[in-house]
PDB file of N, CA and C in Angstrom:
ATOM      1  N   MET A   1      -5.356 -15.706  13.293  1.00  0.00           N
ATOM      2  CA  MET A   1      -5.260 -14.394  13.738  1.00  0.00           C
ATOM      3  C   MET A   1      -4.366 -13.804  12.529  1.00  0.00           C
ATOM      4  N   LYS A   2      -4.781 -12.637  11.736  1.00  0.00           N
ATOM      5  CA  LYS A   2      -4.068 -12.410  10.806  1.00  0.00           C
ATOM      6  C   LYS A   2      -3.047 -11.636  11.373  1.00  0.00           C
ATOM      7  N   GLN A   3      -1.948 -11.777  10.625  1.00  0.00           N
ATOM      8  CA  GLN A   3      -0.456 -10.917  11.032  1.00  0.00           C
ATOM      9  C   GLN A   3      -0.529  -9.543   9.863  1.00  0.00           C
ATOM     10  N   LEU A   4      -0.416  -8.513  10.405  1.00  0.00           N
ATOM     11  CA  LEU A   4      -0.243  -7.034   9.376  1.00  0.00           C
ATOM     12  C   LEU A   4       1.215  -6.904  10.212  1.00  0.00           C
ATOM     13  N   THR A   5       1.845  -6.231   8.835  1.00  0.00           N
ATOM     14  CA  THR A   5       3.086  -5.580   9.389  1.00  0.00           C
ATOM     15  C   THR A   5       2.928  -4.036   8.451  1.00  0.00           C
ATOM     16  N   ILE A   6       3.131  -3.480   9.544  1.00  0.00           N
ATOM     17  CA  ILE A   6       3.163  -1.938   8.598  1.00  0.00           C
ATOM     18  C   ILE A   6       4.734  -1.216   9.014  1.00  0.00           C
ATOM     19  N   ILE A   7       4.758  -0.810   7.864  1.00  0.00           N
ATOM     20  CA  ILE A   7       6.440  -0.435   7.418  1.00  0.00           C
ATOM     21  C   ILE A   7       6.534   1.604   7.209  1.00  0.00           C
ATOM     22  N   PHE A   8       7.232   2.080   7.927  1.00  0.00           N
ATOM     23  CA  PHE A   8       7.416   3.238   8.206  1.00  0.00           C
ATOM     24  C   PHE A   8       8.237   3.807   7.240  1.00  0.00           C
ATOM     25  N   ARG A   9       8.373   4.623   6.470  1.00  0.00           N
ATOM     26  CA  ARG A   9       9.645   4.879   5.506  1.00  0.00           C
ATOM     27  C   ARG A   9       9.555   6.183   5.101  1.00  0.00           C
ATOM     28  N   SER A  10       8.567   6.962   5.882  1.00  0.00           N
ATOM     29  CA  SER A  10       8.553   8.342   5.317  1.00  0.00           C
ATOM     30  C   SER A  10       9.011   9.139   6.912  1.00  0.00           C
ATOM     31  N   SER A  11       9.681  10.072   6.397  1.00  0.00           N
ATOM     32  CA  SER A  11       9.876  11.046   7.808  1.00  0.00           C
ATOM     33  C   SER A  11       8.472  11.806   7.490  1.00  0.00           C
ATOM     34  N   PRO A  12       8.616  12.113   9.511  1.00  0.00           N
ATOM     35  CA  PRO A  12       7.732  12.570   9.973  1.00  0.00           C
ATOM     36  C   PRO A  12       7.233  14.174   9.455  1.00  0.00           C
ATOM     37  N   ALA A  13       8.049  14.652   8.814  1.00  0.00           N
ATOM     38  CA  ALA A  13       7.840  16.648   8.267  1.00  0.00           C
ATOM     39  C   ALA A  13       7.444  16.197   7.093  1.00  0.00           C
ATOM     40  N   TYR A  14       6.441  17.358   6.976  1.00  0.00           N
ATOM     41  CA  TYR A  14       5.886  17.520   6.000  1.00  0.00           C
ATOM     42  C   TYR A  14       4.589  16.702   4.894  1.00  0.00           C
ATOM     43  N   ASN A  15       4.705  15.546   5.705  1.00  0.00           N
ATOM     44  CA  ASN A  15       3.303  14.983   5.000  1.00  0.00           C
ATOM     45  C   ASN A  15       2.632  14.158   6.277  1.00  0.00           C
ATOM     46  N   CYS A  16       1.780  13.252   6.266  1.00  0.00           N
ATOM     47  CA  CYS A  16       0.479  12.682   7.017  1.00  0.00           C
ATOM     48  C   CYS A  16       0.726  11.021   7.170  1.00  0.00           C
ATOM     49  N   LYS A  17       1.855  10.419   6.296  1.00  0.00           N
ATOM     50  CA  LYS A  17       2.093   8.946   6.133  1.00  0.00           C
ATOM     51  C   LYS A  17       2.311   8.542   7.562  1.00  0.00           C
ATOM     52  N   GLY A  18       3.225   8.735   8.486  1.00  0.00           N
ATOM     53  CA  GLY A  18       3.088   8.202   9.694  1.00  0.00           C
ATOM     54  C   GLY A  18       2.044   8.431  10.487  1.00  0.00           C
ATOM     55  N   ARG A  19       1.590   9.411  10.724  1.00  0.00           N
ATOM     56  CA  ARG A  19       0.110   9.280  11.637  1.00  0.00           C
ATOM     57  C   ARG A  19      -0.691   8.539  11.076  1.00  0.00           C
ATOM     58  N   GLU A  20      -0.883   8.296   9.645  1.00  0.00           N
ATOM     59  CA  GLU A  20      -1.919   7.404   8.839  1.00  0.00           C
ATOM     60  C   GLU A  20      -1.665   5.963   9.070  1.00  0.00           C
ATOM     61  N   ALA A  21      -0.475   5.387   8.819  1.00  0.00           N
ATOM     62  CA  ALA A  21       0.423   4.206   9.417  1.00  0.00           C
ATOM     63  C   ALA A  21      -0.006   4.144  10.675  1.00  0.00           C
ATOM     64  N   LEU A  22       0.181   5.149  12.171  1.00  0.00           N
ATOM     65  CA  LEU A  22      -0.026   4.525  13.372  1.00  0.00           C
ATOM     66  C   LEU A  22      -1.409   4.492  13.636  1.00  0.00           C
ATOM     67  N   ASP A  23      -2.317   5.209  12.759  1.00  0.00           N
ATOM     68  CA  ASP A  23      -3.932   5.167  13.178  1.00  0.00           C
ATOM     69  C   ASP A  23      -4.420   3.645  12.637  1.00  0.00           C
ATOM     70  N   LEU A  24      -3.927   3.258  11.474  1.00  0.00           N
ATOM     71  CA  LEU A  24      -4.242   2.242  11.312  1.00  0.00           C
ATOM     72  C   LEU A  24      -4.092   0.791  11.768  1.00  0.00           C
ATOM     73  N   ALA A  25      -2.547   0.905  12.379  1.00  0.00           N
ATOM     74  CA  ALA A  25      -2.038   0.258  13.392  1.00  0.00           C
ATOM     75  C   ALA A  25      -2.928  -0.012  14.440  1.00  0.00           C
ATOM     76  N   MET A  26      -3.322   0.903  15.439  1.00  0.00           N
ATOM     77  CA  MET A  26      -4.085   0.914  16.433  1.00  0.00           C
ATOM     78  C   MET A  26      -5.244   0.583  16.210  1.00  0.00           C
ATOM     79  N   LEU A  27      -6.036   0.736  15.023  1.00  0.00           N
ATOM     80  CA  LEU A  27      -7.339   0.148  14.647  1.00  0.00           C
ATOM     81  C   LEU A  27      -7.496  -0.994  14.458  1.00  0.00           C
ATOM     82  N   SER A  28      -6.149  -1.558  13.723  1.00  0.00           N
ATOM     83  CA  SER A  28      -6.093  -2.990  13.488  1.00  0.00           C
ATOM     84  C   SER A  28      -5.965  -4.157  14.522  1.00  0.00           C
ATOM     85  N   ALA A  29      -4.937  -3.146  15.456  1.00  0.00           N
ATOM     86  CA  ALA A  29      -5.019  -4.126  16.893  1.00  0.00           C
ATOM     87  C   ALA A  29      -5.759  -4.427  17.898  1.00  0.00           C
ATOM     88  N   SER A  30      -6.863  -3.388  17.501  1.00  0.00           N
ATOM     89  CA  SER A  30      -8.243  -3.152  18.399  1.00  0.00           C
ATOM     90  C   SER A  30      -9.174  -4.288  17.833  1.00  0.00           C
ATOM     91  N   PHE A  31      -8.623  -4.580  16.694  1.00  0.00           N
ATOM     92  CA  PHE A  31      -9.892  -5.689  16.080  1.00  0.00           C
ATOM     93  C   PHE A  31      -9.111  -6.896  15.917  1.00  0.00           C
ATOM     94  N   ASP A  32      -8.277  -7.416  16.790  1.00  0.00           N
ATOM     95  CA  ASP A  32      -7.450  -8.680  17.169  1.00  0.00           C
ATOM     96  C   ASP A  32      -6.700  -9.050  16.217  1.00  0.00           C
ATOM     97  N   GLN A  33      -5.862  -8.196  15.144  1.00  0.00           N
ATOM     98  CA  GLN A  33      -4.693  -8.417  14.366  1.00  0.00           C
ATOM     99  C   GLN A  33      -3.733  -8.249  14.973  1.00  0.00           C
ATOM    100  N   HIS A  34      -2.920  -8.686  14.548  1.00  0.00           N
ATOM    101  CA  HIS A  34      -1.612  -9.212  15.220  1.00  0.00           C
ATOM    102  C   HIS A  34      -0.490  -7.855  14.443  1.00  0.00           C
ATOM    103  N   VAL A  35      -0.365  -6.737  14.947  1.00  0.00           N
ATOM    104  CA  VAL A  35       0.152  -6.039  14.855  1.00  0.00           C
ATOM    105  C   VAL A  35       1.925  -5.729  14.825  1.00  0.00           C
ATOM    106  N   LYS A  36       2.867  -5.375  13.591  1.00  0.00           N
ATOM    107  CA  LYS A  36       4.030  -5.681  13.798  1.00  0.00           C
ATOM    108  C   LYS A  36       4.441  -4.138  13.114  1.00  0.00           C
ATOM    109  N   LEU A  37       5.179  -3.315  13.800  1.00  0.00           N
ATOM    110  CA  LEU A  37       5.318  -1.933  13.064  1.00  0.00           C
ATOM    111  C   LEU A  37       6.830  -2.426  12.667  1.00  0.00           C
ATOM    112  N   ILE A  38       7.678  -1.859  11.598  1.00  0.00           N
ATOM    113  CA  ILE A  38       8.743  -1.663  11.143  1.00  0.00           C
ATOM    114  C   ILE A  38       9.485  -0.321  10.520  1.00  0.00           C
ATOM    115  N   PHE A  39      10.291   0.379  11.267  1.00  0.00           N
ATOM    116  CA  PHE A  39      10.677   1.680  10.720  1.00  0.00           C
ATOM    117  C   PHE A  39      12.443   1.611  10.277  1.00  0.00           C
ATOM    118  N   LEU A  40      12.067   1.912   8.660  1.00  0.00           N
ATOM    119  CA  LEU A  40      13.213   2.106   8.377  1.00  0.00           C
ATOM    120  C   LEU A  40      13.685   3.279   7.306  1.00  0.00           C
ATOM    121  N   ASP A  41      14.562   3.573   6.846  1.00  0.00           N
ATOM    122  CA  ASP A  41      14.892   4.471   5.929  1.00  0.00           C
ATOM    123  C   ASP A  41      14.569   5.837   6.241  1.00  0.00           C
ATOM    124  N   GLU A  42      13.784   6.805   6.122  1.00  0.00           N
ATOM    125  CA  GLU A  42      14.026   7.561   7.086  1.00  0.00           C
ATOM    126  C   GLU A  42      12.426   7.735   7.604  1.00  0.00           C
ATOM    127  N   GLY A  43      11.961   6.671   7.826  1.00  0.00           N
ATOM    128  CA  GLY A  43      10.725   6.410   8.817  1.00  0.00           C
ATOM    129  C   GLY A  43      11.385   6.198  10.384  1.00  0.00           C
ATOM    130  N   VAL A  44      12.935   6.072  10.601  1.00  0.00           N
ATOM    131  CA  VAL A  44      13.318   6.172  11.849  1.00  0.00           C
ATOM    132  C   VAL A  44      13.249   7.251  12.771  1.00  0.00           C
ATOM    133  N   PHE A  45      12.947   8.329  11.868  1.00  0.00           N
ATOM    134  CA  PHE A  45      13.180   9.840  12.307  1.00  0.00           C
ATOM    135  C   PHE A  45      11.716   9.957  13.214  1.00  0.00           C
ATOM    136  N   ASN A  46      10.755   9.026  12.829  1.00  0.00           N
ATOM    137  CA  ASN A  46       9.356   9.236  13.648  1.00  0.00           C
ATOM    138  C   ASN A  46       9.322   8.461  15.197  1.00  0.00           C
ATOM    139  N   LEU A  47      10.653   8.225  15.287  1.00  0.00           N
ATOM    140  CA  LEU A  47      11.201   7.689  16.478  1.00  0.00           C
ATOM    141  C   LEU A  47      11.667   8.573  17.521  1.00  0.00           C
ATOM    142  N   LEU A  48      12.446   9.634  16.945  1.00  0.00           N
ATOM    143  CA  LEU A  48      13.151  10.451  17.451  1.00  0.00           C
ATOM    144  C   LEU A  48      12.510  11.846  18.424  1.00  0.00           C
ATOM    145  N   LYS A  49      13.549  11.486  19.571  1.00  0.00           N
ATOM    146  CA  LYS A  49      13.042  12.109  20.999  1.00  0.00           C
ATOM    147  C   LYS A  49      13.154  13.599  20.513  1.00  0.00           C
ATOM    148  N   GLY A  50      12.103  14.907  21.505  1.00  0.00           N
ATOM    149  CA  GLY A  50      12.295  16.046  21.043  1.00  0.00           C
ATOM    150  C   GLY A  50      11.715  16.538  19.969  1.00  0.00           C
ATOM    151  N   GLN A  51      10.903  15.737  19.207  1.00  0.00           N
ATOM    152  CA  GLN A  51      10.292  16.451  17.925  1.00  0.00           C
ATOM    153  C   GLN A  51       8.784  17.542  18.651  1.00  0.00           C
ATOM    154  N   SER A  52       8.852  18.870  17.692  1.00  0.00           N
ATOM    155  CA  SER A  52       7.796  19.325  17.685  1.00  0.00           C
ATOM    156  C   SER A  52       6.892  19.287  16.404  1.00  0.00           C
ATOM    157  N   PRO A  53       6.460  18.600  15.789  1.00  0.00           N
ATOM    158  CA  PRO A  53       5.336  18.651  14.662  1.00  0.00           C
ATOM    159  C   PRO A  53       4.867  19.865  14.452  1.00  0.00           C
ATOM    160  N   GLU A  54       3.633  20.202  15.374  1.00  0.00           N
ATOM    161  CA  GLU A  54       3.514  21.304  15.494  1.00  0.00           C
ATOM    162  C   GLU A  54       4.124  22.785  15.079  1.00  0.00           C
ATOM    163  N   LEU A  55       5.258  22.466  15.424  1.00  0.00           N
ATOM    164  CA  LEU A  55       6.001  23.762  14.731  1.00  0.00           C
ATOM    165  C   LEU A  55       6.165  24.140  13.350  1.00  0.00           C
ATOM    166  N   LEU A  56       5.608  23.124  12.650  1.00  0.00           N
ATOM    167  CA  LEU A  56       5.799  22.730  10.914  1.00  0.00           C
ATOM    168  C   LEU A  56       4.662  22.656  10.314  1.00  0.00           C
ATOM    169  N   GLY A  57       3.406  22.830  11.582  1.00  0.00           N
ATOM    170  CA  GLY A  57       2.194  23.069  11.434  1.00  0.00           C
ATOM    171  C   GLY A  57       1.341  21.513  10.966  1.00  0.00           C
ATOM    172  N   GLY A  58       2.001  20.948  11.869  1.00  0.00           N
ATOM    173  CA  GLY A  58       1.288  19.526  11.660  1.00  0.00           C
ATOM    174  C   GLY A  58       0.866  19.155  12.759  1.00  0.00           C
ATOM    175  N   LYS A  59       0.197  17.897  13.468  1.00  0.00           N
ATOM    176  CA  LYS A  59      -0.367  17.659  14.579  1.00  0.00           C
ATOM    177  C   LYS A  59       0.715  16.972  15.650  1.00  0.00           C
ATOM    178  N   ASP A  60       0.581  16.652  16.502  1.00  0.00           N
ATOM    179  CA  ASP A  60       1.784  15.625  17.469  1.00  0.00           C
ATOM    180  C   ASP A  60       1.447  14.346  17.619  1.00  0.00           C
ATOM    181  N   TYR A  61       1.371  13.629  16.845  1.00  0.00           N
ATOM    182  CA  TYR A  61       0.943  12.211  16.884  1.00  0.00           C
ATOM    183  C   TYR A  61       2.018  11.486  17.227  1.00  0.00           C
ATOM    184  N   LEU A  62       3.192  11.685  17.048  1.00  0.00           N
ATOM    185  CA  LEU A  62       3.987  11.157  17.476  1.00  0.00           C
ATOM    186  C   LEU A  62       4.292  10.356  19.280  1.00  0.00           C
ATOM    187  N   SER A  63       3.577  11.149  19.551  1.00  0.00           N
ATOM    188  CA  SER A  63       3.308  11.190  21.480  1.00  0.00           C
ATOM    189  C   SER A  63       2.738   9.718  21.291  1.00  0.00           C
ATOM    190  N   THR A  64       1.646   9.612  20.712  1.00  0.00           N
ATOM    191  CA  THR A  64       0.630   8.472  20.476  1.00  0.00           C
ATOM    192  C   THR A  64       1.631   6.927  20.449  1.00  0.00           C
ATOM    193  N   LEU A  65       2.858   6.958  19.911  1.00  0.00           N
ATOM    194  CA  LEU A  65       3.407   5.917  19.776  1.00  0.00           C
ATOM    195  C   LEU A  65       3.628   5.740  21.333  1.00  0.00           C
ATOM    196  N   LYS A  66       3.690   5.974  22.207  1.00  0.00           N
ATOM    197  CA  LYS A  66       3.881   5.609  23.749  1.00  0.00           C
ATOM    198  C   LYS A  66       2.536   4.600  24.280  1.00  0.00           C
ATOM    199  N   ALA A  67       1.373   4.931  23.417  1.00  0.00           N
ATOM    200  CA  ALA A  67       0.405   3.873  23.876  1.00  0.00           C
ATOM    201  C   ALA A  67       0.013   2.672  22.820  1.00  0.00           C
ATOM    202  N   LEU A  68       1.113   2.290  22.466  1.00  0.00           N
ATOM    203  CA  LEU A  68       1.701   1.155  21.434  1.00  0.00           C
ATOM    204  C   LEU A  68       0.809  -0.128  22.361  1.00  0.00           C
ATOM    205  N   PRO A  69       1.552  -0.117  23.658  1.00  0.00           N
ATOM    206  CA  PRO A  69       1.431  -1.031  24.209  1.00  0.00           C
ATOM    207  C   PRO A  69      -0.047  -1.657  24.743  1.00  0.00           C
ATOM    208  N   LEU A  70      -1.004  -0.502  24.711  1.00  0.00           N
ATOM    209  CA  LEU A  70      -2.414  -0.523  25.350  1.00  0.00           C
ATOM    210  C   LEU A  70      -2.881  -1.234  24.147  1.00  0.00           C
ATOM    211  N   TYR A  71      -2.400  -1.198  22.765  1.00  0.00           N
ATOM    212  CA  TYR A  71      -2.879  -1.860  21.846  1.00  0.00           C
ATOM    213  C   TYR A  71      -2.358  -3.279  21.628  1.00  0.00           C
ATOM    214  N   ASP A  72      -1.456  -3.759  22.532  1.00  0.00           N
ATOM    215  CA  ASP A  72      -1.240  -4.985  22.524  1.00  0.00           C
ATOM    216  C   ASP A  72       0.144  -5.272  21.080  1.00  0.00           C
ATOM    217  N   ILE A  73       0.237  -3.968  20.566  1.00  0.00           N
ATOM    218  CA  ILE A  73       1.800  -3.839  19.923  1.00  0.00           C
ATOM    219  C   ILE A  73       2.529  -3.780  20.386  1.00  0.00           C
ATOM    220  N   ASP A  74       3.553  -5.114  20.518  1.00  0.00           N
ATOM    221  CA  ASP A  74       4.597  -4.822  21.112  1.00  0.00           C
ATOM    222  C   ASP A  74       6.167  -5.366  20.422  1.00  0.00           C
ATOM    223  N   ASP A  75       5.541  -5.900  18.831  1.00  0.00           N
ATOM    224  CA  ASP A  75       6.416  -5.774  17.831  1.00  0.00           C
ATOM    225  C   ASP A  75       6.771  -4.756  17.153  1.00  0.00           C
ATOM    226  N   VAL A  76       8.168  -3.808  17.961  1.00  0.00           N
ATOM    227  CA  VAL A  76       8.118  -2.617  17.232  1.00  0.00           C
ATOM    228  C   VAL A  76       9.718  -2.726  16.655  1.00  0.00           C
ATOM    229  N   TYR A  77       9.967  -2.934  15.087  1.00  0.00           N
ATOM    230  CA  TYR A  77      11.421  -3.113  14.867  1.00  0.00           C
ATOM    231  C   TYR A  77      11.951  -1.671  14.249  1.00  0.00           C
ATOM    232  N   VAL A  78      13.242  -1.615  14.470  1.00  0.00           N
ATOM    233  CA  VAL A  78      14.276  -0.645  13.679  1.00  0.00           C
ATOM    234  C   VAL A  78      15.183  -0.785  13.049  1.00  0.00           C
ATOM    235  N   CYS A  79      15.401  -0.387  11.674  1.00  0.00           N
ATOM    236  CA  CYS A  79      16.625  -1.072  11.019  1.00  0.00           C
ATOM    237  C   CYS A  79      17.812  -0.608  11.569  1.00  0.00           C
ATOM    238  N   GLU A  80      18.628  -1.738  11.899  1.00  0.00           N
ATOM    239  CA  GLU A  80      20.019  -0.734  12.368  1.00  0.00           C
ATOM    240  C   GLU A  80      20.694  -0.310  11.350  1.00  0.00           C
ATOM    241  N   HIS A  81      20.588  -0.620  10.138  1.00  0.00           N
ATOM    242  CA  HIS A  81      20.947   0.689   8.965  1.00  0.00           C
ATOM    243  C   HIS A  81      21.111   1.813   8.486  1.00  0.00           C
ATOM    244  N   SER A  82      19.475   1.539   9.053  1.00  0.00           N
ATOM    245  CA  SER A  82      18.973   2.931   8.661  1.00  0.00           C
ATOM    246  C   SER A  82      19.356   3.970   9.574  1.00  0.00           C
ATOM    247  N   LEU A  83      19.548   3.535  11.087  1.00  0.00           N
ATOM    248  CA  LEU A  83      19.697   4.212  11.672  1.00  0.00           C
ATOM    249  C   LEU A  83      21.154   4.814  11.819  1.00  0.00           C
ATOM    250  N   SER A  84      21.985   3.935  11.226  1.00  0.00           N
ATOM    251  CA  SER A  84      23.622   4.287  11.157  1.00  0.00           C
ATOM    252  C   SER A  84      23.626   5.399   9.873  1.00  0.00           C
ATOM    253  N   VAL A  85      23.263   4.995   8.871  1.00  0.00           N
ATOM    254  CA  VAL A  85      23.378   6.013   7.378  1.00  0.00           C
ATOM    255  C   VAL A  85      22.648   7.428   8.346  1.00  0.00           C
ATOM    256  N   ASN A  86      21.437   7.209   9.125  1.00  0.00           N
ATOM    257  CA  ASN A  86      20.970   9.048   9.368  1.00  0.00           C
ATOM    258  C   ASN A  86      21.670   9.289  10.525  1.00  0.00           C
ATOM    259  N   LEU A  87      22.936   8.453  11.033  1.00  0.00           N
ATOM    260  CA  LEU A  87      23.368   8.860  11.972  1.00  0.00           C
ATOM    261  C   LEU A  87      22.627   9.335  13.391  1.00  0.00           C
ATOM    262  N   LEU A  88      21.996   8.391  13.685  1.00  0.00           N
ATOM    263  CA  LEU A  88      21.458   8.257  14.598  1.00  0.00           C
ATOM    264  C   LEU A  88      21.963   6.682  15.766  1.00  0.00           C
ATOM    265  N   GLU A  89      21.366   7.162  16.887  1.00  0.00           N
ATOM    266  CA  GLU A  89      21.690   5.699  17.822  1.00  0.00           C
ATOM    267  C   GLU A  89      20.766   5.394  18.543  1.00  0.00           C
ATOM    268  N   LYS A  90      20.115   4.024  18.947  1.00  0.00           N
ATOM    269  CA  LYS A  90      19.043   4.004  19.747  1.00  0.00           C
ATOM    270  C   LYS A  90      18.791   4.499  20.725  1.00  0.00           C
ATOM    271  N   ASN A  91      19.610   4.963  21.414  1.00  0.00           N
ATOM    272  CA  ASN A  91      19.445   5.705  22.875  1.00  0.00           C
ATOM    273  C   ASN A  91      18.816   7.318  22.257  1.00  0.00           C
ATOM    274  N   GLU A  92      18.806   7.953  21.371  1.00  0.00           N
ATOM    275  CA  GLU A  92      18.020   8.625  20.926  1.00  0.00           C
ATOM    276  C   GLU A  92      16.349   8.619  20.062  1.00  0.00           C
ATOM    277  N   LEU A  93      15.871   7.240  20.521  1.00  0.00           N
ATOM    278  CA  LEU A  93      14.553   6.990  19.999  1.00  0.00           C
ATOM    279  C   LEU A  93      13.803   7.073  21.520  1.00  0.00           C
ATOM    280  N   PHE A  94      12.496   7.516  21.192  1.00  0.00           N
ATOM    281  CA  PHE A  94      12.004   7.868  22.571  1.00  0.00           C
ATOM    282  C   PHE A  94      10.771   6.627  22.766  1.00  0.00           C
ATOM    283  N   ILE A  95      11.022   5.514  22.217  1.00  0.00           N
ATOM    284  CA  ILE A  95       9.985   3.963  22.626  1.00  0.00           C
ATOM    285  C   ILE A  95      10.949   2.960  22.164  1.00  0.00           C
ATOM    286  N   ASP A  96      10.963   2.346  23.370  1.00  0.00           N
ATOM    287  CA  ASP A  96      11.370   0.930  23.085  1.00  0.00           C
ATOM    288  C   ASP A  96      11.253   0.159  21.665  1.00  0.00           C
ATOM    289  N   CYS A  97      12.247  -0.316  20.837  1.00  0.00           N
ATOM    290  CA  CYS A  97      11.868  -1.150  20.185  1.00  0.00           C
ATOM    291  C   CYS A  97      13.479  -1.980  19.810  1.00  0.00           C
ATOM    292  N   ILE A  98      13.121  -3.113  19.098  1.00  0.00           N
ATOM    293  CA  ILE A  98      14.032  -4.043  18.663  1.00  0.00           C
ATOM    294  C   ILE A  98      14.599  -3.635  17.385  1.00  0.00           C
ATOM    295  N   LEU A  99      16.312  -3.458  17.651  1.00  0.00           N
ATOM    296  CA  LEU A  99      17.015  -3.625  16.619  1.00  0.00           C
ATOM    297  C   LEU A  99      17.422  -4.642  15.663  1.00  0.00           C
ATOM    298  N   VAL A 100      17.324  -4.141  14.465  1.00  0.00           N
ATOM    299  CA  VAL A 100      17.343  -5.455  13.586  1.00  0.00           C
ATOM    300  C   VAL A 100      17.930  -5.434  12.186  1.00  0.00           C
ATOM    301  N   THR A 101      18.625  -6.611  11.688  1.00  0.00           N
ATOM    302  CA  THR A 101      19.145  -6.294  10.713  1.00  0.00           C
ATOM    303  C   THR A 101      18.091  -6.052   9.191  1.00  0.00           C
ATOM    304  N   GLN A 102      18.772  -6.032   8.074  1.00  0.00           N
ATOM    305  CA  GLN A 102      17.966  -5.756   6.943  1.00  0.00           C
ATOM    306  C   GLN A 102      17.638  -7.143   6.153  1.00  0.00           C
ATOM    307  N   GLN A 103      18.170  -8.312   7.176  1.00  0.00           N
ATOM    308  CA  GLN A 103      17.839  -9.461   6.519  1.00  0.00           C
ATOM    309  C   GLN A 103      16.497 -10.318   7.135  1.00  0.00           C
ATOM    310  N   ARG A 104      17.186  -9.726   8.876  1.00  0.00           N
ATOM    311  CA  ARG A 104      15.558 -10.030   9.470  1.00  0.00           C
ATOM    312  C   ARG A 104      14.521  -9.100   9.064  1.00  0.00           C
ATOM    313  N   ILE A 105      14.832  -7.636   8.362  1.00  0.00           N
ATOM    314  CA  ILE A 105      13.450  -7.369   7.878  1.00  0.00           C
ATOM    315  C   ILE A 105      13.078  -8.279   6.895  1.00  0.00           C
ATOM    316  N   ARG A 106      13.572  -8.681   5.976  1.00  0.00           N
ATOM    317  CA  ARG A 106      13.033  -9.222   5.330  1.00  0.00           C
ATOM    318  C   ARG A 106      12.237 -10.817   5.391  1.00  0.00           C
ATOM    319  N   THR A 107      12.518 -11.101   6.631  1.00  0.00           N
ATOM    320  CA  THR A 107      12.199 -12.505   7.057  1.00  0.00           C
ATOM    321  C   THR A 107      11.029 -12.152   7.677  1.00  0.00           C
ATOM    322  N   LEU A 108      10.785 -10.891   8.224  1.00  0.00           N
ATOM    323  CA  LEU A 108       9.303 -10.814   8.998  1.00  0.00           C
ATOM    324  C   LEU A 108       8.656 -10.318   8.299  1.00  0.00           C
ATOM    325  N   ILE A 109       8.836  -9.500   7.079  1.00  0.00           N
ATOM    326  CA  ILE A 109       7.877  -9.203   5.654  1.00  0.00           C
ATOM    327  C   ILE A 109       7.182 -10.770   5.153  1.00  0.00           C
ATOM    328  N   ASN A 110       8.349 -11.603   4.902  1.00  0.00           N
ATOM    329  CA  ASN A 110       7.603 -12.733   4.403  1.00  0.00           C
ATOM    330  C   ASN A 110       6.592 -13.555   5.475  1.00  0.00           C
ATOM    331  N   GLU A 111       6.859 -13.051   6.638  1.00  0.00           N
ATOM    332  CA  GLU A 111       6.039 -13.925   7.443  1.00  0.00           C
ATOM    333  C   GLU A 111       4.944 -13.346   7.671  1.00  0.00           C
ATOM    334  N   ALA A 112       4.756 -12.030   7.198  1.00  0.00           N
ATOM    335  CA  ALA A 112       3.478 -11.541   7.085  1.00  0.00           C
ATOM    336  C   ALA A 112       2.672 -11.797   6.585  1.00  0.00           C
ATOM    337  N   ASP A 113       0.997 -11.526   6.652  1.00  0.00           N
ATOM    338  CA  ASP A 113       0.073 -12.009   5.792  1.00  0.00           C
ATOM    339  C   ASP A 113      -0.507 -11.098   5.300  1.00  0.00           C
ATOM    340  N   GLU A 114       0.380  -9.654   5.542  1.00  0.00           N
ATOM    341  CA  GLU A 114      -0.316  -8.149   4.610  1.00  0.00           C
ATOM    342  C   GLU A 114       0.752  -7.340   5.206  1.00  0.00           C
ATOM    343  N   VAL A 115       1.287  -6.705   4.247  1.00  0.00           N
ATOM    344  CA  VAL A 115       2.150  -6.011   4.524  1.00  0.00           C
ATOM    345  C   VAL A 115       1.673  -4.208   4.148  1.00  0.00           C
ATOM    346  N   LEU A 116       1.880  -3.372   4.507  1.00  0.00           N
ATOM    347  CA  LEU A 116       1.389  -2.014   3.883  1.00  0.00           C
ATOM    348  C   LEU A 116       2.682  -0.751   4.539  1.00  0.00           C
ATOM    349  N   ILE A 117       3.163  -0.365   3.330  1.00  0.00           N
ATOM    350  CA  ILE A 117       4.062   0.500   3.642  1.00  0.00           C
ATOM    351  C   ILE A 117       3.602   1.825   3.658  1.00  0.00           C
ATOM    352  N   PHE A 118       3.879   2.643   4.510  1.00  0.00           N
ATOM    353  CA  PHE A 118       4.125   4.327   4.086  1.00  0.00           C
ATOM    354  C   PHE A 118       5.181   5.320   4.610  1.00  0.00           C
TER     355      PHE A 118
END
């Protein structure tokens, strides 16, 4: 089974990269690929509770993150350093994820067959 790692680096505001990454993750998982998600840099804002993307003219794809377990996407990681830099804490995130160090992220990337960055 191919292992795909998708990295969310962009804020959900004013672009569709997060939605595209999420669509790709769910599509890939439905074709029996092992999918891991990593949220870092401004990508951690994709996980923030209480967002209303529709107020900025976007669609609310963020609530779809709650469906990840239905696609057997259980490996969801968030960078501790990125949370800290953006003054966020794990309890402000609306899905369960695994806090990891930057070193662990490098290891996850090295273990992947394919890495895509959004």
